Amino acid sequence: LVRMKFLQLLSRKPGKLETLFQIPFCQKQFPYLCLATSACLYSKKKKVNSYEQVDQEKYKNLVYSVTSYKTSAQTPETIFEEDNLLYGPPDKHRPPVEGETRTPKNWLPLINPNKRISLLNSDSNLPMKISLPKTKTPSVTRILQQTMSPQQAFYLERWKEKMILELGKDGFAEYTKNLFLQGELFHAALESIFMSEEMATKEHGEDVAISGYLSSVQHVLKDISEVKALESAVHHETLQYLGLVDCVAKYRGQLCVIDWKTSEKPKPSLKNTFDNPLQVAAYIGAINHDANYDFQVSCGLIVVAYKNGFPAHPHFMDPNLCSQYWNKWLLRLEEFMDRN
């Protein structure tokens, strides 16, 4: 009966409901129900934390990367992932296994055992300068470019893309054009120095574009003597490739093929010069098998000059090192011939 009356009161107008919970009325007829109902009305609902509803499993990698962040967190792996995202995956060609030793199929010695050295012209003071012939014979530069390793090609393309992003296509084209122009001016200045030292030093020393490079190589030039060839073409008559040698001269008493390089970044070790040692070895082999040259060479020298005038890094290659790079060059030449 009590419950029925309570329900009837609830079904009435809302204004009537207030009298139901007055203290005297509740104490007389519904003491217990009144207390229970009062507790429900005045209790606050528990607040739900919105972060508890986040899918922790889904975002655990993000949470971990944020909470475990440290300064300079980049690693080679993360850099490759970033480049893969920006520029796409690198060439999927399988790189050669380090430590793998391969032998050229058609091996030839670096020093030509059948070449006769003429003693009559050995004391000539006039450097040889043979023009590069127009022929279909592949050049050393072309062979090295087309047989570049996937890793080296990847880094070269990555550098190119970043430079284009920074300078734009036209700006990058102008940048590379200026680099080639500076290289040509630098080589021309060195040629003039070797032909006529005093006049060339004064003439080219005033050229702002290459003055830094010339200052950079001054300490190396003091160790160079008996120049035998300058900007001269070489041709390997058996292996059929050609190239243009910067300089052949004595460096600290050793006859060398000298390759002059310009750089904006320091290259203190030989490995920083990438394929340049292979290029030098290829030129040495070509000279030794070219009938136009009445001498043979067994050493090499790569000189890296800097635009800011910082002292150049000379990288000397002794006969043993030249032989090692000669074998690597023969493998690259083989690879090129197989492709073409």
Foldseek 3Di string as FASTA:
>chain_A
DLVVVVVVQVPDDPVSVVVCQDVVNCVPRPVPVSVVVVVVVPDDDDDDDPVVVDPCVVCVVVVCCVVVDDPPPDDPVVVQVVCCVVPNHFDPPDFDDPPDDDFFPDDDFLADPPAAFDPPCLPDLDADAADDDDDPQAALVVLCVVLPTSVVVVVVVVVVVVVCVVQNPVRVVVVVVLQVVLVVLQLVLVVVCSVPNPVSCVVCCPPLSCVLQVLQCPVQVVQWDRWHHAQHKFAQPPLRYIYTFHTWTDGNRATAREAEAEDADDDQAPVSVPCVLLNRLVRQSRLSRGNVHSDHHQKYWYWYGYSNNHHIHIDIGGNVNSRVSPRVNSVSSVVSVVVD
